[in-house]
Amino acid sequence: MKLTQSNNFQRVIAAARVVYRYMQVSRIDRPRLSCSTEQAMIRLVTDLRHMAEAAEIDFQAVLRASRNHYDEETW
């Protein structure tokens, strides 16, 4: 795991908590429905895309802004 700034570690921890909680809430953490962390992240982002559409939020703009934030935090 490459972390260029020490505070990014806290972001990783926070994001992991969200993903694992999402797995519990969406019931994909059960043995019959188990999935990898990567699959859970894909499902979460997909659900966020649905949420953005329902709330009339430009999801592509959210992704662009997220990429800009990420770039600033890793350089």
PDB file of N, CA and C in Angstrom:
ATOM      1  N   MET A   1       0.854  -1.177   0.000  1.00  0.00           N
ATOM      2  CA  MET A   1       0.000   0.000   0.000  1.00  0.00           C
ATOM      3  C   MET A   1       0.894   1.232   0.000  1.00  0.00           C
ATOM      4  N   LYS A   2       0.778   2.042  -1.016  1.00  0.00           N
ATOM      5  CA  LYS A   2       1.590   3.252  -1.126  1.00  0.00           C
ATOM      6  C   LYS A   2       0.811   4.442  -0.563  1.00  0.00           C
ATOM      7  N   LEU A   3       1.350   5.062   0.459  1.00  0.00           N
ATOM      8  CA  LEU A   3       0.744   6.263   1.036  1.00  0.00           C
ATOM      9  C   LEU A   3       1.810   7.340   1.055  1.00  0.00           C
ATOM     10  N   THR A   4       1.548   8.435   0.360  1.00  0.00           N
ATOM     11  CA  THR A   4       2.561   9.480   0.271  1.00  0.00           C
ATOM     12  C   THR A   4       2.448  10.511   1.379  1.00  0.00           C
ATOM     13  N   GLN A   5       1.312  10.576   2.046  1.00  0.00           N
ATOM     14  CA  GLN A   5       1.139  11.513   3.147  1.00  0.00           C
ATOM     15  C   GLN A   5       0.561  10.752   4.328  1.00  0.00           C
ATOM     16  N   SER A   6       1.024  11.093   5.506  1.00  0.00           N
ATOM     17  CA  SER A   6       0.578  10.352   6.682  1.00  0.00           C
ATOM     18  C   SER A   6      -0.924  10.466   6.914  1.00  0.00           C
ATOM     19  N   ASN A   7      -1.525  11.623   6.581  1.00  0.00           N
ATOM     20  CA  ASN A   7      -2.966  11.752   6.814  1.00  0.00           C
ATOM     21  C   ASN A   7      -3.782  10.930   5.819  1.00  0.00           C
ATOM     22  N   ASN A   8      -3.161  10.464   4.736  1.00  0.00           N
ATOM     23  CA  ASN A   8      -3.893   9.596   3.813  1.00  0.00           C
ATOM     24  C   ASN A   8      -4.204   8.255   4.470  1.00  0.00           C
ATOM     25  N   PHE A   9      -3.394   7.845   5.431  1.00  0.00           N
ATOM     26  CA  PHE A   9      -3.680   6.601   6.136  1.00  0.00           C
ATOM     27  C   PHE A   9      -5.030   6.693   6.843  1.00  0.00           C
ATOM     28  N   GLN A  10      -5.324   7.839   7.429  1.00  0.00           N
ATOM     29  CA  GLN A  10      -6.620   8.030   8.089  1.00  0.00           C
ATOM     30  C   GLN A  10      -7.761   7.963   7.076  1.00  0.00           C
ATOM     31  N   ARG A  11      -7.524   8.455   5.871  1.00  0.00           N
ATOM     32  CA  ARG A  11      -8.541   8.374   4.807  1.00  0.00           C
ATOM     33  C   ARG A  11      -8.787   6.919   4.421  1.00  0.00           C
ATOM     34  N   VAL A  12      -7.719   6.134   4.355  1.00  0.00           N
ATOM     35  CA  VAL A  12      -7.843   4.712   4.029  1.00  0.00           C
ATOM     36  C   VAL A  12      -8.676   4.006   5.091  1.00  0.00           C
ATOM     37  N   ILE A  13      -8.396   4.281   6.344  1.00  0.00           N
ATOM     38  CA  ILE A  13      -9.141   3.665   7.447  1.00  0.00           C
ATOM     39  C   ILE A  13     -10.619   4.054   7.373  1.00  0.00           C
ATOM     40  N   ALA A  14     -10.894   5.323   7.166  1.00  0.00           N
ATOM     41  CA  ALA A  14     -12.281   5.787   7.086  1.00  0.00           C
ATOM     42  C   ALA A  14     -13.010   5.133   5.917  1.00  0.00           C
ATOM     43  N   ALA A  15     -12.357   5.067   4.765  1.00  0.00           N
ATOM     44  CA  ALA A  15     -12.979   4.461   3.585  1.00  0.00           C
ATOM     45  C   ALA A  15     -13.223   2.970   3.813  1.00  0.00           C
ATOM     46  N   ALA A  16     -12.276   2.286   4.438  1.00  0.00           N
ATOM     47  CA  ALA A  16     -12.452   0.858   4.708  1.00  0.00           C
ATOM     48  C   ALA A  16     -13.652   0.623   5.619  1.00  0.00           C
ATOM     49  N   ARG A  17     -13.804   1.480   6.606  1.00  0.00           N
ATOM     50  CA  ARG A  17     -14.962   1.352   7.499  1.00  0.00           C
ATOM     51  C   ARG A  17     -16.264   1.511   6.735  1.00  0.00           C
ATOM     52  N   VAL A  18     -16.301   2.466   5.808  1.00  0.00           N
ATOM     53  CA  VAL A  18     -17.507   2.686   4.998  1.00  0.00           C
ATOM     54  C   VAL A  18     -17.787   1.462   4.130  1.00  0.00           C
ATOM     55  N   VAL A  19     -16.768   0.950   3.462  1.00  0.00           N
ATOM     56  CA  VAL A  19     -16.960  -0.203   2.575  1.00  0.00           C
ATOM     57  C   VAL A  19     -17.432  -1.415   3.371  1.00  0.00           C
ATOM     58  N   TYR A  20     -16.798  -1.693   4.493  1.00  0.00           N
ATOM     59  CA  TYR A  20     -17.198  -2.863   5.271  1.00  0.00           C
ATOM     60  C   TYR A  20     -18.580  -2.685   5.881  1.00  0.00           C
ATOM     61  N   ARG A  21     -18.927  -1.482   6.273  1.00  0.00           N
ATOM     62  CA  ARG A  21     -20.289  -1.233   6.763  1.00  0.00           C
ATOM     63  C   ARG A  21     -21.294  -1.399   5.634  1.00  0.00           C
ATOM     64  N   TYR A  22     -20.947  -0.911   4.436  1.00  0.00           N
ATOM     65  CA  TYR A  22     -21.814  -1.083   3.272  1.00  0.00           C
ATOM     66  C   TYR A  22     -22.049  -2.576   3.007  1.00  0.00           C
ATOM     67  N   MET A  23     -20.990  -3.381   3.158  1.00  0.00           N
ATOM     68  CA  MET A  23     -21.126  -4.823   2.949  1.00  0.00           C
ATOM     69  C   MET A  23     -22.125  -5.414   3.944  1.00  0.00           C
ATOM     70  N   GLN A  24     -22.115  -4.929   5.167  1.00  0.00           N
ATOM     71  CA  GLN A  24     -23.050  -5.411   6.176  1.00  0.00           C
ATOM     72  C   GLN A  24     -24.475  -4.962   5.872  1.00  0.00           C
ATOM     73  N   VAL A  25     -24.628  -3.685   5.564  1.00  0.00           N
ATOM     74  CA  VAL A  25     -25.960  -3.127   5.318  1.00  0.00           C
ATOM     75  C   VAL A  25     -26.600  -3.741   4.077  1.00  0.00           C
ATOM     76  N   SER A  26     -25.802  -3.937   3.042  1.00  0.00           N
ATOM     77  CA  SER A  26     -26.344  -4.489   1.800  1.00  0.00           C
ATOM     78  C   SER A  26     -26.380  -6.013   1.828  1.00  0.00           C
ATOM     79  N   ARG A  27     -25.939  -6.584   2.958  1.00  0.00           N
ATOM     80  CA  ARG A  27     -25.986  -8.023   3.204  1.00  0.00           C
ATOM     81  C   ARG A  27     -25.133  -8.829   2.227  1.00  0.00           C
ATOM     82  N   ILE A  28     -24.044  -8.208   1.739  1.00  0.00           N
ATOM     83  CA  ILE A  28     -23.137  -8.958   0.868  1.00  0.00           C
ATOM     84  C   ILE A  28     -21.954  -9.511   1.651  1.00  0.00           C
ATOM     85  N   ASP A  29     -22.044  -9.452   2.979  1.00  0.00           N
ATOM     86  CA  ASP A  29     -20.983 -10.024   3.806  1.00  0.00           C
ATOM     87  C   ASP A  29     -21.357 -11.416   4.308  1.00  0.00           C
ATOM     88  N   ARG A  30     -22.539 -11.880   3.947  1.00  0.00           N
ATOM     89  CA  ARG A  30     -22.968 -13.213   4.356  1.00  0.00           C
ATOM     90  C   ARG A  30     -22.231 -14.262   3.528  1.00  0.00           C
ATOM     91  N   PRO A  31     -21.934 -15.428   4.104  1.00  0.00           N
ATOM     92  CA  PRO A  31     -21.152 -16.446   3.391  1.00  0.00           C
ATOM     93  C   PRO A  31     -21.694 -16.790   2.003  1.00  0.00           C
ATOM     94  N   ARG A  32     -22.997 -16.894   1.871  1.00  0.00           N
ATOM     95  CA  ARG A  32     -23.561 -17.249   0.561  1.00  0.00           C
ATOM     96  C   ARG A  32     -23.396 -16.126  -0.445  1.00  0.00           C
ATOM     97  N   LEU A  33     -23.309 -14.904   0.022  1.00  0.00           N
ATOM     98  CA  LEU A  33     -23.244 -13.747  -0.861  1.00  0.00           C
ATOM     99  C   LEU A  33     -21.917 -13.014  -0.743  1.00  0.00           C
ATOM    100  N   SER A  34     -20.903 -13.699  -0.263  1.00  0.00           N
ATOM    101  CA  SER A  34     -19.637 -13.033  -0.005  1.00  0.00           C
ATOM    102  C   SER A  34     -19.033 -12.475  -1.294  1.00  0.00           C
ATOM    103  N   CYS A  35     -18.308 -11.406  -1.133  1.00  0.00           N
ATOM    104  CA  CYS A  35     -17.620 -10.814  -2.271  1.00  0.00           C
ATOM    105  C   CYS A  35     -16.344 -10.165  -1.768  1.00  0.00           C
ATOM    106  N   SER A  36     -15.471  -9.872  -2.685  1.00  0.00           N
ATOM    107  CA  SER A  36     -14.209  -9.243  -2.323  1.00  0.00           C
ATOM    108  C   SER A  36     -14.427  -7.771  -1.989  1.00  0.00           C
ATOM    109  N   THR A  37     -13.419  -7.176  -1.400  1.00  0.00           N
ATOM    110  CA  THR A  37     -13.470  -5.742  -1.129  1.00  0.00           C
ATOM    111  C   THR A  37     -13.630  -4.970  -2.433  1.00  0.00           C
ATOM    112  N   GLU A  38     -12.938  -5.408  -3.476  1.00  0.00           N
ATOM    113  CA  GLU A  38     -13.055  -4.730  -4.772  1.00  0.00           C
ATOM    114  C   GLU A  38     -14.483  -4.801  -5.299  1.00  0.00           C
ATOM    115  N   GLN A  39     -15.113  -5.953  -5.205  1.00  0.00           N
ATOM    116  CA  GLN A  39     -16.499  -6.087  -5.654  1.00  0.00           C
ATOM    117  C   GLN A  39     -17.428  -5.214  -4.823  1.00  0.00           C
ATOM    118  N   ALA A  40     -17.184  -5.147  -3.527  1.00  0.00           N
ATOM    119  CA  ALA A  40     -18.007  -4.298  -2.664  1.00  0.00           C
ATOM    120  C   ALA A  40     -17.846  -2.837  -3.036  1.00  0.00           C
ATOM    121  N   MET A  41     -16.614  -2.424  -3.352  1.00  0.00           N
ATOM    122  CA  MET A  41     -16.386  -1.036  -3.770  1.00  0.00           C
ATOM    123  C   MET A  41     -17.120  -0.735  -5.075  1.00  0.00           C
ATOM    124  N   ILE A  42     -17.111  -1.679  -5.997  1.00  0.00           N
ATOM    125  CA  ILE A  42     -17.822  -1.493  -7.270  1.00  0.00           C
ATOM    126  C   ILE A  42     -19.311  -1.342  -7.013  1.00  0.00           C
ATOM    127  N   ARG A  43     -19.860  -2.204  -6.165  1.00  0.00           N
ATOM    128  CA  ARG A  43     -21.297  -2.114  -5.850  1.00  0.00           C
ATOM    129  C   ARG A  43     -21.630  -0.791  -5.165  1.00  0.00           C
ATOM    130  N   LEU A  44     -20.760  -0.357  -4.254  1.00  0.00           N
ATOM    131  CA  LEU A  44     -20.992   0.907  -3.559  1.00  0.00           C
ATOM    132  C   LEU A  44     -20.975   2.076  -4.531  1.00  0.00           C
ATOM    133  N   VAL A  45     -19.988   2.123  -5.400  1.00  0.00           N
ATOM    134  CA  VAL A  45     -19.909   3.221  -6.377  1.00  0.00           C
ATOM    135  C   VAL A  45     -21.120   3.184  -7.312  1.00  0.00           C
ATOM    136  N   THR A  46     -21.548   1.989  -7.691  1.00  0.00           N
ATOM    137  CA  THR A  46     -22.740   1.871  -8.534  1.00  0.00           C
ATOM    138  C   THR A  46     -23.960   2.422  -7.820  1.00  0.00           C
ATOM    139  N   ASP A  47     -24.108   2.085  -6.542  1.00  0.00           N
ATOM    140  CA  ASP A  47     -25.235   2.607  -5.770  1.00  0.00           C
ATOM    141  C   ASP A  47     -25.138   4.121  -5.611  1.00  0.00           C
ATOM    142  N   LEU A  48     -23.933   4.639  -5.451  1.00  0.00           N
ATOM    143  CA  LEU A  48     -23.756   6.094  -5.384  1.00  0.00           C
ATOM    144  C   LEU A  48     -24.149   6.748  -6.711  1.00  0.00           C
ATOM    145  N   ARG A  49     -23.868   6.069  -7.804  1.00  0.00           N
ATOM    146  CA  ARG A  49     -24.274   6.578  -9.125  1.00  0.00           C
ATOM    147  C   ARG A  49     -25.799   6.644  -9.211  1.00  0.00           C
ATOM    148  N   HIS A  50     -26.478   5.589  -8.735  1.00  0.00           N
ATOM    149  CA  HIS A  50     -27.953   5.595  -8.704  1.00  0.00           C
ATOM    150  C   HIS A  50     -28.470   6.736  -7.824  1.00  0.00           C
ATOM    151  N   MET A  51     -27.828   6.915  -6.678  1.00  0.00           N
ATOM    152  CA  MET A  51     -28.229   7.980  -5.752  1.00  0.00           C
ATOM    153  C   MET A  51     -28.058   9.348  -6.409  1.00  0.00           C
ATOM    154  N   ALA A  52     -26.943   9.537  -7.098  1.00  0.00           N
ATOM    155  CA  ALA A  52     -26.704  10.818  -7.774  1.00  0.00           C
ATOM    156  C   ALA A  52     -27.772  11.077  -8.823  1.00  0.00           C
ATOM    157  N   GLU A  53     -28.116  10.057  -9.574  1.00  0.00           N
ATOM    158  CA  GLU A  53     -29.161  10.233 -10.595  1.00  0.00           C
ATOM    159  C   GLU A  53     -30.486  10.615  -9.948  1.00  0.00           C
ATOM    160  N   ALA A  54     -30.835   9.936  -8.864  1.00  0.00           N
ATOM    161  CA  ALA A  54     -32.098  10.234  -8.170  1.00  0.00           C
ATOM    162  C   ALA A  54     -32.105  11.648  -7.604  1.00  0.00           C
ATOM    163  N   ALA A  55     -30.936  12.123  -7.171  1.00  0.00           N
ATOM    164  CA  ALA A  55     -30.829  13.460  -6.581  1.00  0.00           C
ATOM    165  C   ALA A  55     -30.468  14.531  -7.610  1.00  0.00           C
ATOM    166  N   GLU A  56     -30.407  14.115  -8.881  1.00  0.00           N
ATOM    167  CA  GLU A  56     -30.056  15.024  -9.976  1.00  0.00           C
ATOM    168  C   GLU A  56     -28.697  15.685  -9.759  1.00  0.00           C
ATOM    169  N   ILE A  57     -27.720  14.855  -9.372  1.00  0.00           N
ATOM    170  CA  ILE A  57     -26.337  15.282  -9.176  1.00  0.00           C
ATOM    171  C   ILE A  57     -25.523  14.748 -10.341  1.00  0.00           C
ATOM    172  N   ASP A  58     -24.680  15.583 -10.901  1.00  0.00           N
ATOM    173  CA  ASP A  58     -23.826  15.178 -12.022  1.00  0.00           C
ATOM    174  C   ASP A  58     -22.716  14.273 -11.488  1.00  0.00           C
ATOM    175  N   PHE A  59     -22.879  12.967 -11.655  1.00  0.00           N
ATOM    176  CA  PHE A  59     -21.931  12.015 -11.099  1.00  0.00           C
ATOM    177  C   PHE A  59     -20.556  12.133 -11.748  1.00  0.00           C
ATOM    178  N   GLN A  60     -20.511  12.456 -13.025  1.00  0.00           N
ATOM    179  CA  GLN A  60     -19.222  12.642 -13.695  1.00  0.00           C
ATOM    180  C   GLN A  60     -18.471  13.827 -13.098  1.00  0.00           C
ATOM    181  N   ALA A  61     -19.204  14.871 -12.720  1.00  0.00           N
ATOM    182  CA  ALA A  61     -18.574  16.019 -12.059  1.00  0.00           C
ATOM    183  C   ALA A  61     -18.026  15.607 -10.691  1.00  0.00           C
ATOM    184  N   VAL A  62     -18.757  14.741  -9.996  1.00  0.00           N
ATOM    185  CA  VAL A  62     -18.289  14.228  -8.707  1.00  0.00           C
ATOM    186  C   VAL A  62     -16.998  13.436  -8.906  1.00  0.00           C
ATOM    187  N   LEU A  63     -16.962  12.588  -9.934  1.00  0.00           N
ATOM    188  CA  LEU A  63     -15.757  11.801 -10.208  1.00  0.00           C
ATOM    189  C   LEU A  63     -14.573  12.692 -10.567  1.00  0.00           C
ATOM    190  N   ARG A  64     -14.821  13.725 -11.370  1.00  0.00           N
ATOM    191  CA  ARG A  64     -13.735  14.653 -11.730  1.00  0.00           C
ATOM    192  C   ARG A  64     -13.199  15.362 -10.493  1.00  0.00           C
ATOM    193  N   ALA A  65     -14.090  15.852  -9.652  1.00  0.00           N
ATOM    194  CA  ALA A  65     -13.676  16.546  -8.438  1.00  0.00           C
ATOM    195  C   ALA A  65     -12.911  15.597  -7.515  1.00  0.00           C
ATOM    196  N   SER A  66     -13.389  14.352  -7.418  1.00  0.00           N
ATOM    197  CA  SER A  66     -12.707  13.358  -6.603  1.00  0.00           C
ATOM    198  C   SER A  66     -11.297  13.106  -7.130  1.00  0.00           C
ATOM    199  N   ARG A  67     -11.164  13.004  -8.430  1.00  0.00           N
ATOM    200  CA  ARG A  67      -9.837  12.779  -9.029  1.00  0.00           C
ATOM    201  C   ARG A  67      -8.906  13.955  -8.728  1.00  0.00           C
ATOM    202  N   ASN A  68      -9.436  15.167  -8.817  1.00  0.00           N
ATOM    203  CA  ASN A  68      -8.626  16.349  -8.506  1.00  0.00           C
ATOM    204  C   ASN A  68      -8.168  16.327  -7.042  1.00  0.00           C
ATOM    205  N   HIS A  69      -9.071  16.002  -6.145  1.00  0.00           N
ATOM    206  CA  HIS A  69      -8.711  15.910  -4.725  1.00  0.00           C
ATOM    207  C   HIS A  69      -7.647  14.843  -4.506  1.00  0.00           C
ATOM    208  N   TYR A  70      -7.844  13.693  -5.129  1.00  0.00           N
ATOM    209  CA  TYR A  70      -6.887  12.598  -4.983  1.00  0.00           C
ATOM    210  C   TYR A  70      -5.512  13.017  -5.488  1.00  0.00           C
ATOM    211  N   ASP A  71      -5.482  13.641  -6.655  1.00  0.00           N
ATOM    212  CA  ASP A  71      -4.200  14.085  -7.210  1.00  0.00           C
ATOM    213  C   ASP A  71      -3.491  15.063  -6.273  1.00  0.00           C
ATOM    214  N   GLU A  72      -4.236  15.989  -5.695  1.00  0.00           N
ATOM    215  CA  GLU A  72      -3.641  16.956  -4.773  1.00  0.00           C
ATOM    216  C   GLU A  72      -3.142  16.277  -3.503  1.00  0.00           C
ATOM    217  N   GLU A  73      -3.832  15.235  -3.062  1.00  0.00           N
ATOM    218  CA  GLU A  73      -3.458  14.564  -1.815  1.00  0.00           C
ATOM    219  C   GLU A  73      -2.303  13.602  -1.987  1.00  0.00           C
ATOM    220  N   THR A  74      -1.994  13.225  -3.199  1.00  0.00           N
ATOM    221  CA  THR A  74      -0.922  12.252  -3.418  1.00  0.00           C
ATOM    222  C   THR A  74       0.334  12.866  -3.999  1.00  0.00           C
ATOM    223  N   TRP A  75       0.340  14.142  -4.223  1.00  0.00           N
ATOM    224  CA  TRP A  75       1.546  14.806  -4.763  1.00  0.00           C
ATOM    225  C   TRP A  75       2.112  15.755  -3.768  1.00  0.00           C
TER     226      TRP A  75
END
